[in-house]
Amino acid sequence: MEQDPPEKWEGKASAKLLSTNADEAWSLLSDFCSLHLWLPGLVETCRKTAGDEGRPGCVRYCASPPGDDGNPLSWAYEELLAFDPAERSFRCKVADNNVGLKRYVATFKVVRRRRLRARVVVRLRPANGWTGERLTAFMQTGIEVTAKRVEEALKVAAAATANTRENVPDVV
């Protein structure tokens, strides 16, 4: 006898941020409309469509690269529900999408326990074509790519700052 699918799934994923501190990581990851910078192969477009950045009610539109017909293969409108700079976290929900996600709520947080981590927790109703394991693996890959790209961006910024300082003439 088949079992009914669970009413809700919960998936968790995290990745270590080895070469940065929490404030530096949060300075990049707190931009709600920058997902395309951290997941460029998956998200080609991420832009604000309503509300104010960093405030509940802000809505972003995220879309994958286009398919053969020129339209994004997947897209979603996500609404910011909570934004807490002191806790370095935000929570959002998928308001509309074309991939079957329902009642999707994600919490993203930069946390320091023993080591600095970027962490995401997602709760949603089961979606057609997805399993809990597939969703968790997808999230894990995404958070690992994000952490790596954040560290790379901060290294580039640090190198640029160091080069600028070296080229500033001494004032006597």
Protein backbone atom coordinates (compact mmCIF):
# COMPACT_ATOMS: atom_id res chain seq x y z
CA MET A 1 0.00 0.00 0.00
CA GLU A 2 1.35 3.44 -0.96
CA GLN A 3 1.88 5.98 1.76
CA ASP A 4 0.59 9.50 1.38
CA PRO A 5 3.38 12.02 0.80
CA PRO A 6 4.36 14.12 3.80
CA GLU A 7 2.35 17.30 4.27
CA LYS A 8 5.57 19.35 4.35
CA TRP A 9 9.23 18.76 3.61
CA GLU A 10 12.11 20.37 5.39
CA GLY A 11 15.56 20.54 3.86
CA LYS A 12 18.73 21.95 5.40
CA ALA A 13 22.07 22.72 3.82
CA SER A 14 25.17 24.60 4.90
CA ALA A 15 28.65 25.37 3.65
CA LYS A 16 31.80 26.55 5.42
CA LEU A 17 33.19 29.99 4.74
CA LEU A 18 36.86 29.43 5.52
CA SER A 19 38.59 32.64 4.48
CA THR A 20 36.22 35.39 5.56
CA ASN A 21 34.44 36.73 8.60
CA ALA A 22 30.71 36.90 9.22
CA ASP A 23 30.34 40.64 8.58
CA GLU A 24 32.17 40.43 5.24
CA ALA A 25 30.09 37.47 4.09
CA TRP A 26 26.85 39.13 5.21
CA SER A 27 27.76 42.36 3.39
CA LEU A 28 27.45 40.42 0.13
CA LEU A 29 24.80 37.84 0.96
CA SER A 30 22.36 40.30 2.53
CA ASP A 31 21.55 41.76 -0.90
CA PHE A 32 18.22 40.00 -1.55
CA CYS A 33 18.36 40.75 -5.27
CA SER A 34 21.86 39.40 -5.96
CA LEU A 35 21.18 35.66 -6.31
CA HIS A 36 22.40 35.74 -9.93
CA LEU A 37 25.88 36.70 -8.67
CA TRP A 38 26.16 33.62 -6.47
CA LEU A 39 24.47 31.03 -8.72
CA PRO A 40 25.27 32.23 -12.26
CA GLY A 41 24.69 28.91 -14.04
CA LEU A 42 21.30 28.48 -12.41
CA VAL A 43 20.05 32.05 -12.01
CA GLU A 44 20.63 34.42 -14.91
CA THR A 45 18.32 37.18 -13.73
CA CYS A 46 17.51 38.39 -10.22
CA ARG A 47 15.89 41.79 -9.89
CA LYS A 48 13.61 43.66 -7.55
CA THR A 49 10.03 43.97 -8.82
CA ALA A 50 8.32 45.53 -5.78
CA GLY A 51 9.04 47.03 -2.39
CA ASP A 52 12.27 48.23 -0.82
CA GLU A 53 15.49 46.20 -0.68
CA GLY A 54 16.10 44.74 2.77
CA ARG A 55 12.53 45.31 3.96
CA PRO A 56 9.70 42.81 4.32
CA GLY A 57 7.48 42.98 1.26
CA CYS A 58 10.37 43.33 -1.19
CA VAL A 59 9.75 41.00 -4.15
CA ARG A 60 12.45 39.64 -6.43
CA TYR A 61 12.08 37.90 -9.76
CA CYS A 62 14.60 35.13 -10.40
CA ALA A 63 14.92 33.28 -13.70
CA SER A 64 17.17 30.61 -15.13
CA PRO A 65 18.97 30.94 -18.45
CA PRO A 66 16.59 30.62 -21.41
CA GLY A 67 15.66 27.40 -23.14
CA ASP A 68 15.50 26.83 -26.89
CA ASP A 69 12.37 28.99 -27.14
CA GLY A 70 14.15 31.98 -25.57
CA ASN A 71 12.10 31.87 -22.36
CA PRO A 72 13.55 30.99 -18.95
CA LEU A 73 13.33 27.28 -18.15
CA SER A 74 12.39 28.15 -14.59
CA TRP A 75 11.36 31.33 -12.80
CA ALA A 76 10.07 32.43 -9.43
CA TYR A 77 8.82 35.52 -7.65
CA GLU A 78 10.05 35.51 -4.06
CA GLU A 79 8.85 37.81 -1.30
CA LEU A 80 11.05 38.89 1.61
CA LEU A 81 9.22 38.08 4.85
CA ALA A 82 11.85 39.07 7.43
CA PHE A 83 15.28 40.69 7.34
CA ASP A 84 17.51 40.80 10.43
CA PRO A 85 21.00 42.30 9.97
CA ALA A 86 21.88 41.74 13.66
CA GLU A 87 21.26 38.00 13.24
CA ARG A 88 22.59 38.06 9.66
CA SER A 89 19.47 36.35 8.37
CA PHE A 90 16.48 36.73 6.11
CA ARG A 91 13.38 34.69 5.39
CA CYS A 92 11.48 34.61 2.11
CA LYS A 93 8.69 32.72 0.41
CA VAL A 94 8.05 31.75 -3.17
CA ALA A 95 4.98 33.73 -4.19
CA ASP A 96 4.73 32.30 -7.71
CA ASN A 97 6.82 29.96 -9.88
CA ASN A 98 6.68 27.60 -12.83
CA VAL A 99 8.37 24.56 -11.23
CA GLY A 100 5.65 23.39 -8.88
CA LEU A 101 6.94 24.71 -5.55
CA LYS A 102 4.13 25.27 -3.05
CA ARG A 103 4.24 26.86 0.38
CA TYR A 104 8.00 27.28 -0.01
CA VAL A 105 9.60 29.28 2.80
CA ALA A 106 13.38 29.60 3.10
CA THR A 107 15.51 30.99 5.91
CA PHE A 108 19.04 32.05 4.98
CA LYS A 109 21.59 32.81 7.67
CA VAL A 110 25.30 33.47 8.09
CA VAL A 111 26.17 31.71 11.35
CA ARG A 112 29.25 31.36 13.48
CA ARG A 113 29.45 28.37 15.70
CA ARG A 114 32.83 26.70 15.70
CA ARG A 115 33.28 27.78 12.09
CA LEU A 116 31.59 30.34 9.91
CA ARG A 117 28.84 28.88 7.72
CA ALA A 118 26.21 30.00 5.29
CA ARG A 119 23.06 28.03 6.05
CA VAL A 120 19.68 27.67 4.38
CA VAL A 121 16.60 25.91 5.73
CA VAL A 122 13.64 25.34 3.42
CA ARG A 123 10.12 24.20 4.23
CA LEU A 124 7.61 23.43 1.50
CA ARG A 125 4.86 21.14 0.37
CA PRO A 126 5.96 18.25 -1.82
CA ALA A 127 6.39 19.27 -5.45
CA ASN A 128 5.84 17.19 -8.56
CA GLY A 129 9.06 15.65 -9.83
CA TRP A 130 10.99 16.33 -6.61
CA THR A 131 11.91 14.12 -3.69
CA GLY A 132 13.12 15.34 -0.33
CA GLU A 133 16.56 13.88 -1.07
CA ARG A 134 16.77 15.61 -4.45
CA LEU A 135 15.73 18.93 -2.95
CA THR A 136 18.32 18.65 -0.16
CA ALA A 137 21.09 17.72 -2.64
CA PHE A 138 20.09 20.65 -4.86
CA MET A 139 20.20 23.03 -1.88
CA GLN A 140 23.57 21.66 -0.72
CA THR A 141 25.13 22.20 -4.13
CA GLY A 142 23.69 25.71 -4.31
CA ILE A 143 24.95 26.77 -0.88
CA GLU A 144 28.43 25.33 -1.58
CA VAL A 145 28.68 27.22 -4.88
CA THR A 146 27.45 30.38 -3.14
CA ALA A 147 30.03 30.09 -0.34
CA LYS A 148 32.85 29.54 -2.83
CA ARG A 149 31.82 32.52 -4.96
CA VAL A 150 31.49 34.78 -1.90
CA GLU A 151 35.00 33.86 -0.77
CA GLU A 152 36.34 34.51 -4.29
CA ALA A 153 34.59 37.90 -4.47
CA LEU A 154 36.00 38.94 -1.10
CA LYS A 155 39.53 37.87 -2.13
CA VAL A 156 39.27 39.93 -5.33
CA ALA A 157 38.01 42.94 -3.35
CA ALA A 158 40.83 42.58 -0.81
CA ALA A 159 43.45 42.35 -3.57
CA ALA A 160 42.01 45.42 -5.30
CA THR A 161 42.09 47.36 -2.03
CA ALA A 162 45.71 46.30 -1.41
CA ASN A 163 46.71 47.36 -4.94
CA THR A 164 45.01 50.73 -4.50
CA ARG A 165 46.88 51.35 -1.25
CA GLU A 166 50.20 50.46 -2.89
CA ASN A 167 49.59 52.98 -5.67
CA VAL A 168 48.66 55.89 -3.41
CA PRO A 169 51.57 58.35 -3.19
CA ASP A 170 52.84 59.33 0.23
CA VAL A 171 51.79 62.81 1.25
CA VAL A 172 54.51 64.80 2.92
